[in-house]
N, C-alpha and C. Protein backbone atom coordinates (compact mmCIF):
# COMPACT_ATOMS: atom_id res chain seq x y z
N MET A 1 -4.38 -17.44 -20.13
CA MET A 1 -5.03 -16.27 -20.56
C MET A 1 -4.05 -15.29 -21.06
N THR A 2 -2.76 -15.33 -20.79
CA THR A 2 -1.80 -14.32 -21.15
C THR A 2 -1.80 -14.04 -22.55
N ALA A 3 -1.85 -12.75 -22.98
CA ALA A 3 -1.82 -12.28 -24.32
C ALA A 3 -0.79 -11.25 -24.15
N TYR A 4 0.13 -11.13 -25.27
CA TYR A 4 1.30 -10.14 -25.20
C TYR A 4 1.67 -9.72 -26.54
N SER A 5 2.10 -8.50 -26.62
CA SER A 5 2.67 -7.75 -27.72
C SER A 5 3.50 -6.70 -27.17
N PRO A 6 4.34 -6.05 -28.01
CA PRO A 6 5.14 -4.95 -27.41
C PRO A 6 4.32 -3.86 -26.98
N ALA A 7 3.05 -3.69 -27.30
CA ALA A 7 2.18 -2.64 -26.99
C ALA A 7 1.20 -2.89 -25.82
N PHE A 8 1.08 -4.18 -25.46
CA PHE A 8 0.09 -4.46 -24.35
C PHE A 8 0.47 -5.81 -23.88
N LYS A 9 -0.20 -6.09 -22.66
CA LYS A 9 0.01 -7.55 -22.09
C LYS A 9 -1.26 -7.81 -21.32
N ILE A 10 -1.97 -8.83 -21.53
CA ILE A 10 -3.11 -9.34 -20.71
C ILE A 10 -2.79 -10.38 -19.79
N VAL A 11 -3.12 -10.41 -18.64
CA VAL A 11 -2.90 -11.55 -17.67
C VAL A 11 -4.11 -11.71 -16.81
N SER A 12 -4.27 -12.91 -16.30
CA SER A 12 -5.28 -13.23 -15.32
C SER A 12 -4.59 -13.09 -13.90
N PRO A 13 -5.32 -12.47 -13.03
CA PRO A 13 -4.72 -12.34 -11.59
C PRO A 13 -4.19 -13.71 -11.14
N ASP A 14 -4.93 -14.86 -11.49
CA ASP A 14 -4.64 -16.07 -10.96
C ASP A 14 -3.16 -16.65 -11.47
N GLU A 15 -2.70 -15.93 -12.51
CA GLU A 15 -1.37 -16.34 -13.07
C GLU A 15 -0.33 -15.82 -12.09
N ALA A 16 -0.55 -14.80 -11.33
CA ALA A 16 0.45 -14.09 -10.39
C ALA A 16 0.54 -15.07 -9.11
N ASP A 17 1.68 -15.17 -8.51
CA ASP A 17 1.94 -15.91 -7.25
C ASP A 17 0.99 -15.29 -6.15
N ASP A 18 0.38 -16.16 -5.31
CA ASP A 18 -0.24 -15.74 -4.23
C ASP A 18 0.87 -15.77 -3.01
N HIS A 19 1.13 -14.46 -2.68
CA HIS A 19 2.27 -14.37 -1.70
C HIS A 19 1.81 -14.72 -0.16
N TYR A 20 0.48 -15.15 0.03
CA TYR A 20 0.05 -15.55 1.26
C TYR A 20 -0.11 -17.15 1.23
N ALA A 21 0.05 -17.71 0.02
CA ALA A 21 -0.17 -19.23 0.02
C ALA A 21 0.91 -19.95 0.92
N GLY A 22 0.29 -20.82 1.71
CA GLY A 22 1.09 -21.72 2.65
C GLY A 22 1.34 -20.96 3.97
N SER A 23 0.71 -19.78 4.04
CA SER A 23 0.86 -19.00 5.36
C SER A 23 -0.45 -19.07 6.05
N ASP A 24 -0.52 -18.49 7.19
CA ASP A 24 -1.77 -18.53 8.07
C ASP A 24 -2.65 -17.25 7.73
N VAL A 25 -2.28 -16.43 6.87
CA VAL A 25 -2.97 -15.29 6.57
C VAL A 25 -4.22 -15.60 5.71
N PRO A 26 -5.45 -15.31 6.00
CA PRO A 26 -6.54 -15.68 5.21
C PRO A 26 -6.61 -14.85 3.89
N GLY A 27 -6.88 -15.43 2.85
CA GLY A 27 -7.09 -14.67 1.50
C GLY A 27 -5.96 -14.79 0.74
N GLU A 28 -5.80 -13.90 -0.44
CA GLU A 28 -4.91 -14.04 -1.42
C GLU A 28 -4.34 -12.67 -1.61
N PHE A 29 -3.00 -12.48 -2.06
CA PHE A 29 -2.28 -11.32 -2.21
C PHE A 29 -1.43 -11.54 -3.53
N ARG A 30 -1.96 -11.05 -4.67
CA ARG A 30 -1.27 -11.32 -5.90
C ARG A 30 -0.87 -10.07 -6.50
N ARG A 31 0.54 -9.85 -6.58
CA ARG A 31 1.20 -8.70 -7.23
C ARG A 31 1.15 -8.96 -8.78
N LEU A 32 0.65 -8.10 -9.53
CA LEU A 32 0.60 -8.25 -11.02
C LEU A 32 1.68 -7.32 -11.73
N THR A 33 2.19 -6.44 -10.96
CA THR A 33 3.15 -5.41 -11.59
C THR A 33 4.15 -6.13 -12.47
N GLU A 34 5.04 -7.01 -11.96
CA GLU A 34 6.06 -7.65 -12.74
C GLU A 34 5.57 -8.52 -13.80
N LEU A 35 4.53 -9.27 -13.54
CA LEU A 35 3.92 -10.16 -14.57
C LEU A 35 3.36 -9.30 -15.78
N LEU A 36 2.81 -8.18 -15.45
CA LEU A 36 2.48 -7.27 -16.48
C LEU A 36 3.62 -6.59 -17.29
N GLY A 37 4.72 -6.59 -16.59
CA GLY A 37 5.84 -5.75 -17.15
C GLY A 37 5.63 -4.25 -16.87
N ALA A 38 4.80 -3.82 -15.98
CA ALA A 38 4.57 -2.53 -15.65
C ALA A 38 5.70 -1.72 -15.15
N GLU A 39 6.04 -0.55 -15.60
CA GLU A 39 7.08 0.13 -15.17
C GLU A 39 6.76 1.31 -14.27
N GLN A 40 5.64 1.93 -14.45
CA GLN A 40 5.23 2.94 -13.77
C GLN A 40 4.11 2.85 -12.67
N ILE A 41 3.35 1.81 -12.79
CA ILE A 41 2.22 1.57 -11.91
C ILE A 41 2.33 0.23 -11.26
N ALA A 42 2.00 0.19 -9.89
CA ALA A 42 2.02 -1.13 -9.13
C ALA A 42 0.52 -1.51 -9.02
N VAL A 43 0.39 -2.78 -9.32
CA VAL A 43 -1.00 -3.21 -9.28
C VAL A 43 -1.05 -4.61 -8.49
N THR A 44 -1.96 -4.73 -7.46
CA THR A 44 -2.02 -5.93 -6.68
C THR A 44 -3.52 -6.29 -6.57
N MET A 45 -3.84 -7.55 -6.73
CA MET A 45 -5.19 -8.03 -6.59
C MET A 45 -5.26 -8.83 -5.28
N ILE A 46 -6.21 -8.43 -4.36
CA ILE A 46 -6.43 -8.94 -3.04
C ILE A 46 -7.74 -9.63 -2.85
N ARG A 47 -7.77 -10.82 -2.46
CA ARG A 47 -9.12 -11.43 -2.11
C ARG A 47 -9.10 -11.73 -0.66
N VAL A 48 -10.17 -11.27 -0.20
CA VAL A 48 -10.40 -11.58 1.30
C VAL A 48 -11.68 -12.33 1.52
N PRO A 49 -11.54 -13.60 2.07
CA PRO A 49 -12.61 -14.41 2.36
C PRO A 49 -13.65 -13.86 3.40
N PRO A 50 -14.84 -14.36 3.33
CA PRO A 50 -15.81 -13.93 4.38
C PRO A 50 -15.26 -14.03 5.86
N HIS A 51 -15.60 -13.09 6.65
CA HIS A 51 -15.26 -13.04 7.99
C HIS A 51 -13.75 -13.23 8.31
N SER A 52 -12.91 -12.42 7.57
CA SER A 52 -11.49 -12.53 7.71
C SER A 52 -10.79 -11.19 7.91
N ASP A 53 -9.88 -11.10 8.77
CA ASP A 53 -9.05 -10.04 8.94
C ASP A 53 -7.78 -10.13 8.24
N PHE A 54 -7.65 -9.67 7.07
CA PHE A 54 -6.70 -9.95 6.10
C PHE A 54 -5.33 -9.36 6.64
N GLU A 55 -5.23 -8.20 7.26
CA GLU A 55 -4.11 -7.61 7.76
C GLU A 55 -3.87 -8.04 9.26
N GLN A 56 -4.68 -8.78 9.85
CA GLN A 56 -4.42 -9.44 11.12
C GLN A 56 -4.30 -8.36 12.13
N GLY A 57 -5.07 -7.31 12.17
CA GLY A 57 -5.02 -6.25 13.18
C GLY A 57 -3.89 -5.27 12.97
N THR A 58 -3.18 -5.52 11.98
CA THR A 58 -2.03 -4.50 11.68
C THR A 58 -2.55 -3.45 10.65
N GLY A 59 -1.70 -2.53 10.36
CA GLY A 59 -2.03 -1.52 9.38
C GLY A 59 -0.70 -1.08 8.76
N HIS A 60 -0.76 -0.16 7.84
CA HIS A 60 0.40 0.33 7.11
C HIS A 60 0.17 1.65 6.66
N TYR A 61 1.21 2.48 6.35
CA TYR A 61 1.15 3.73 5.59
C TYR A 61 2.30 3.87 4.74
N HIS A 62 2.23 4.79 3.79
CA HIS A 62 3.29 5.01 2.80
C HIS A 62 3.86 6.41 3.02
N ASP A 63 5.11 6.58 2.91
CA ASP A 63 5.75 7.92 3.25
C ASP A 63 5.36 8.88 2.02
N GLN A 64 5.45 8.32 0.72
CA GLN A 64 5.34 9.14 -0.35
C GLN A 64 4.09 8.77 -1.33
N ILE A 65 3.76 7.56 -1.25
CA ILE A 65 2.75 7.04 -2.35
C ILE A 65 1.28 7.16 -1.82
N GLU A 66 0.58 7.73 -2.71
CA GLU A 66 -0.84 7.61 -2.57
C GLU A 66 -1.35 6.31 -3.26
N GLU A 67 -2.33 5.76 -2.59
CA GLU A 67 -2.88 4.43 -3.15
C GLU A 67 -4.36 4.64 -3.61
N ILE A 68 -4.73 3.85 -4.59
CA ILE A 68 -6.11 3.80 -5.07
C ILE A 68 -6.49 2.34 -4.75
N TYR A 69 -7.63 2.17 -4.08
CA TYR A 69 -8.15 0.73 -3.87
C TYR A 69 -9.49 0.74 -4.72
N LEU A 70 -9.62 -0.26 -5.54
CA LEU A 70 -10.86 -0.39 -6.19
C LEU A 70 -11.51 -1.68 -5.60
N ILE A 71 -12.66 -1.52 -4.98
CA ILE A 71 -13.37 -2.63 -4.36
C ILE A 71 -14.33 -3.02 -5.53
N THR A 72 -14.16 -4.27 -5.93
CA THR A 72 -14.92 -4.80 -7.07
C THR A 72 -15.96 -5.86 -6.70
N LYS A 73 -15.89 -6.42 -5.48
CA LYS A 73 -16.78 -7.41 -5.03
C LYS A 73 -16.90 -7.37 -3.54
N GLY A 74 -18.07 -7.49 -2.98
CA GLY A 74 -18.29 -7.50 -1.49
C GLY A 74 -18.27 -6.10 -0.75
N THR A 75 -18.24 -6.22 0.48
CA THR A 75 -18.25 -5.04 1.43
C THR A 75 -17.01 -5.10 2.18
N LEU A 76 -16.21 -4.13 2.23
CA LEU A 76 -14.93 -4.08 3.06
C LEU A 76 -15.05 -3.08 4.28
N THR A 77 -14.58 -3.41 5.32
CA THR A 77 -14.49 -2.56 6.45
C THR A 77 -13.04 -1.96 6.38
N MET A 78 -12.89 -0.69 6.20
CA MET A 78 -11.71 -0.10 6.10
C MET A 78 -11.48 0.98 7.18
N ARG A 79 -10.26 0.91 7.81
CA ARG A 79 -9.92 2.05 8.70
C ARG A 79 -8.85 3.01 8.10
N PHE A 80 -9.07 4.17 8.26
CA PHE A 80 -8.17 5.35 7.73
C PHE A 80 -7.86 6.20 9.01
N ALA A 81 -6.74 6.13 9.60
CA ALA A 81 -6.30 6.80 10.80
C ALA A 81 -7.33 6.36 11.93
N ASP A 82 -8.15 7.36 12.37
CA ASP A 82 -9.11 6.97 13.36
C ASP A 82 -10.58 6.78 12.83
N GLU A 83 -10.76 6.81 11.60
CA GLU A 83 -12.05 6.63 11.01
C GLU A 83 -12.18 5.25 10.41
N VAL A 84 -13.46 4.58 10.52
CA VAL A 84 -13.73 3.25 10.10
C VAL A 84 -15.04 3.45 9.20
N HIS A 85 -14.86 3.00 8.06
CA HIS A 85 -15.94 2.95 7.12
C HIS A 85 -16.28 1.64 6.41
N GLU A 86 -17.47 1.31 6.11
CA GLU A 86 -17.84 0.17 5.37
C GLU A 86 -17.89 0.69 3.95
N VAL A 87 -17.14 0.01 3.06
CA VAL A 87 -17.08 0.36 1.57
C VAL A 87 -17.60 -0.79 0.84
N ARG A 88 -18.73 -0.57 0.14
CA ARG A 88 -19.45 -1.58 -0.72
C ARG A 88 -19.05 -1.45 -2.15
N ALA A 89 -18.81 -2.62 -2.81
CA ALA A 89 -18.50 -2.61 -4.23
C ALA A 89 -19.79 -2.25 -5.05
N PRO A 90 -19.65 -1.57 -6.13
CA PRO A 90 -18.34 -1.07 -6.74
C PRO A 90 -17.96 0.29 -6.13
N ALA A 91 -16.76 0.45 -5.69
CA ALA A 91 -16.22 1.76 -5.18
C ALA A 91 -14.76 2.00 -5.37
N ALA A 92 -14.28 3.14 -5.38
CA ALA A 92 -12.98 3.50 -5.56
C ALA A 92 -12.55 4.38 -4.40
N VAL A 93 -11.37 4.14 -3.70
CA VAL A 93 -11.01 4.73 -2.58
C VAL A 93 -9.54 5.27 -2.75
N ARG A 94 -9.32 6.57 -2.55
CA ARG A 94 -7.95 7.09 -2.62
C ARG A 94 -7.56 7.43 -1.18
N VAL A 95 -6.23 6.92 -0.86
CA VAL A 95 -5.59 7.16 0.48
C VAL A 95 -4.39 7.99 0.31
N ALA A 96 -4.20 9.01 0.92
CA ALA A 96 -3.10 9.93 0.81
C ALA A 96 -1.84 9.27 1.51
N PRO A 97 -0.67 9.75 1.11
CA PRO A 97 0.58 9.32 1.89
C PRO A 97 0.41 9.72 3.24
N HIS A 98 1.12 8.95 4.19
CA HIS A 98 1.14 9.17 5.61
C HIS A 98 -0.17 8.84 6.43
N THR A 99 -1.14 8.43 5.59
CA THR A 99 -2.55 8.02 6.22
C THR A 99 -2.48 6.50 6.63
N PRO A 100 -2.56 6.27 7.88
CA PRO A 100 -2.54 4.77 8.30
C PRO A 100 -3.80 4.19 7.85
N ARG A 101 -3.65 2.92 7.40
CA ARG A 101 -4.88 2.31 6.80
C ARG A 101 -4.83 0.76 7.05
N SER A 102 -6.01 0.15 6.90
CA SER A 102 -6.10 -1.27 7.07
C SER A 102 -7.48 -1.61 6.66
N HIS A 103 -7.71 -2.97 6.50
CA HIS A 103 -9.13 -3.42 6.10
C HIS A 103 -9.29 -4.70 6.52
N ARG A 104 -10.55 -5.22 6.57
CA ARG A 104 -10.93 -6.57 6.86
C ARG A 104 -12.39 -6.79 6.33
N ASN A 105 -12.74 -7.89 6.22
CA ASN A 105 -13.96 -8.43 5.78
C ASN A 105 -14.76 -9.04 6.84
N GLU A 106 -15.72 -8.20 7.31
CA GLU A 106 -16.63 -8.66 8.52
C GLU A 106 -17.90 -9.31 7.98
N GLY A 107 -18.06 -9.27 6.65
CA GLY A 107 -19.32 -9.75 6.08
C GLY A 107 -19.25 -11.20 5.67
N GLY A 108 -20.32 -11.66 5.09
CA GLY A 108 -20.53 -13.04 4.72
C GLY A 108 -20.27 -13.41 3.34
N GLU A 109 -19.78 -12.37 2.57
CA GLU A 109 -19.43 -12.71 1.14
C GLU A 109 -17.90 -12.23 0.84
N PRO A 110 -17.31 -13.07 -0.11
CA PRO A 110 -15.95 -12.69 -0.38
C PRO A 110 -15.73 -11.28 -0.91
N VAL A 111 -14.59 -10.68 -0.63
CA VAL A 111 -14.35 -9.39 -1.10
C VAL A 111 -13.08 -9.43 -2.10
N GLU A 112 -13.16 -8.55 -3.10
CA GLU A 112 -12.05 -8.44 -4.03
C GLU A 112 -11.69 -6.99 -4.17
N ILE A 113 -10.37 -6.73 -3.99
CA ILE A 113 -9.95 -5.40 -3.97
C ILE A 113 -8.61 -5.39 -5.00
N TRP A 114 -8.56 -4.21 -5.70
CA TRP A 114 -7.38 -4.05 -6.51
C TRP A 114 -6.70 -2.72 -5.92
N ALA A 115 -5.38 -2.96 -5.61
CA ALA A 115 -4.63 -1.85 -5.00
C ALA A 115 -3.72 -1.31 -6.10
N ILE A 116 -3.79 -0.05 -6.37
CA ILE A 116 -3.12 0.59 -7.45
C ILE A 116 -2.22 1.81 -6.96
N SER A 117 -1.02 1.99 -7.34
CA SER A 117 -0.15 3.04 -6.90
C SER A 117 1.01 3.30 -7.95
N ARG A 118 1.70 4.31 -7.64
CA ARG A 118 2.92 4.55 -8.29
C ARG A 118 3.98 3.36 -8.03
N ASN A 119 4.64 2.85 -8.99
CA ASN A 119 5.54 1.78 -8.74
C ASN A 119 6.79 2.25 -8.09
N GLU A 120 6.97 1.96 -6.87
CA GLU A 120 8.13 2.34 -6.04
C GLU A 120 8.73 1.15 -5.39
N GLY A 121 8.21 -0.09 -5.71
CA GLY A 121 8.64 -1.28 -4.96
C GLY A 121 7.91 -1.20 -3.59
N ASN A 122 8.36 -1.95 -2.71
CA ASN A 122 7.87 -2.08 -1.39
C ASN A 122 8.64 -1.12 -0.34
N HIS A 123 9.54 -0.28 -0.91
CA HIS A 123 10.46 0.45 0.02
C HIS A 123 9.68 1.56 0.82
N ASP A 124 8.54 1.91 0.30
CA ASP A 124 7.83 3.07 0.93
C ASP A 124 6.89 2.62 1.93
N ALA A 125 6.55 1.41 2.23
CA ALA A 125 5.53 0.93 3.08
C ALA A 125 6.14 0.79 4.49
N VAL A 126 5.34 1.26 5.46
CA VAL A 126 5.61 1.18 6.93
C VAL A 126 4.59 0.45 7.66
N LYS A 127 4.89 -0.63 8.23
CA LYS A 127 3.92 -1.53 8.89
C LYS A 127 3.63 -0.92 10.32
N ILE A 128 2.28 -1.06 10.72
CA ILE A 128 1.97 -0.65 12.09
C ILE A 128 1.31 -1.78 12.83
N ASP A 129 2.09 -2.38 13.80
CA ASP A 129 1.44 -3.39 14.54
C ASP A 129 0.41 -2.89 15.45
N ASP A 130 -0.61 -3.73 15.90
CA ASP A 130 -1.63 -3.44 16.76
C ASP A 130 -2.30 -2.11 16.39
N PHE A 131 -2.54 -2.01 15.10
CA PHE A 131 -3.31 -0.83 14.51
C PHE A 131 -4.77 -0.72 15.01
N TRP A 132 -5.52 -1.71 15.19
CA TRP A 132 -6.72 -1.75 15.63
C TRP A 132 -7.11 -3.21 16.29
N GLN A 133 -8.14 -3.12 17.13
CA GLN A 133 -8.50 -4.44 17.86
C GLN A 133 -8.97 -5.58 16.93
N ALA A 134 -8.76 -6.67 17.23
CA ALA A 134 -9.27 -7.74 16.47
C ALA A 134 -10.77 -7.77 16.46
N SER A 135 -11.35 -8.16 15.35
CA SER A 135 -12.85 -8.09 15.29
C SER A 135 -13.31 -9.49 15.60
N ALA A 136 -14.42 -9.44 16.43
CA ALA A 136 -15.15 -10.73 16.61
C ALA A 136 -15.78 -11.41 15.35
N GLU A 137 -15.94 -10.42 14.32
CA GLU A 137 -16.59 -10.88 13.19
C GLU A 137 -15.61 -11.27 12.04
N ALA A 138 -14.34 -11.25 12.33
CA ALA A 138 -13.27 -11.44 11.24
C ALA A 138 -12.14 -12.21 11.81
N ALA A 139 -11.95 -13.49 11.46
CA ALA A 139 -10.97 -14.30 11.97
C ALA A 139 -9.61 -13.78 11.39
N GLN A 140 -8.55 -13.99 12.16
CA GLN A 140 -7.20 -13.50 11.75
C GLN A 140 -6.35 -14.64 11.18
N HIS A 141 -6.85 -15.80 11.13
CA HIS A 141 -6.07 -16.91 10.59
C HIS A 141 -6.86 -17.79 9.61
N ARG A 142 -6.22 -18.44 8.76
CA ARG A 142 -6.95 -19.29 7.91
C ARG A 142 -7.81 -20.40 8.82
N GLY A 143 -8.93 -20.59 8.34
CA GLY A 143 -9.88 -21.58 9.04
C GLY A 143 -9.58 -23.03 8.55
């Protein structure tokens, strides 16, 4: 599906490597930034299967980067600092820098998320172990 000219590039998310393939993490994590040749914006497509804790109880925050999450399919349980919200597609979510965040799929349908931010590489991300308790509704490992 790739189409390219000096002015644009079209790719399918399935052309990007799944960084969680071969791991025990449920779902897919496909960075499209490099494949697109994007210089200013980072784009990642994330698929979370039904009843899966994609971040496995961890969370993260960014020192300087705000992130936009586009939920395009399903319902995602998202935690922002101490608040938990169910976000149903279609929805757009903005998360400010320094805000701890995580997500999981406690529902019975697949979830698709697009994470978009300023392209700073992965140098700005800070992982938070044990960010929230495991969910009885969301497995933390591939089934």
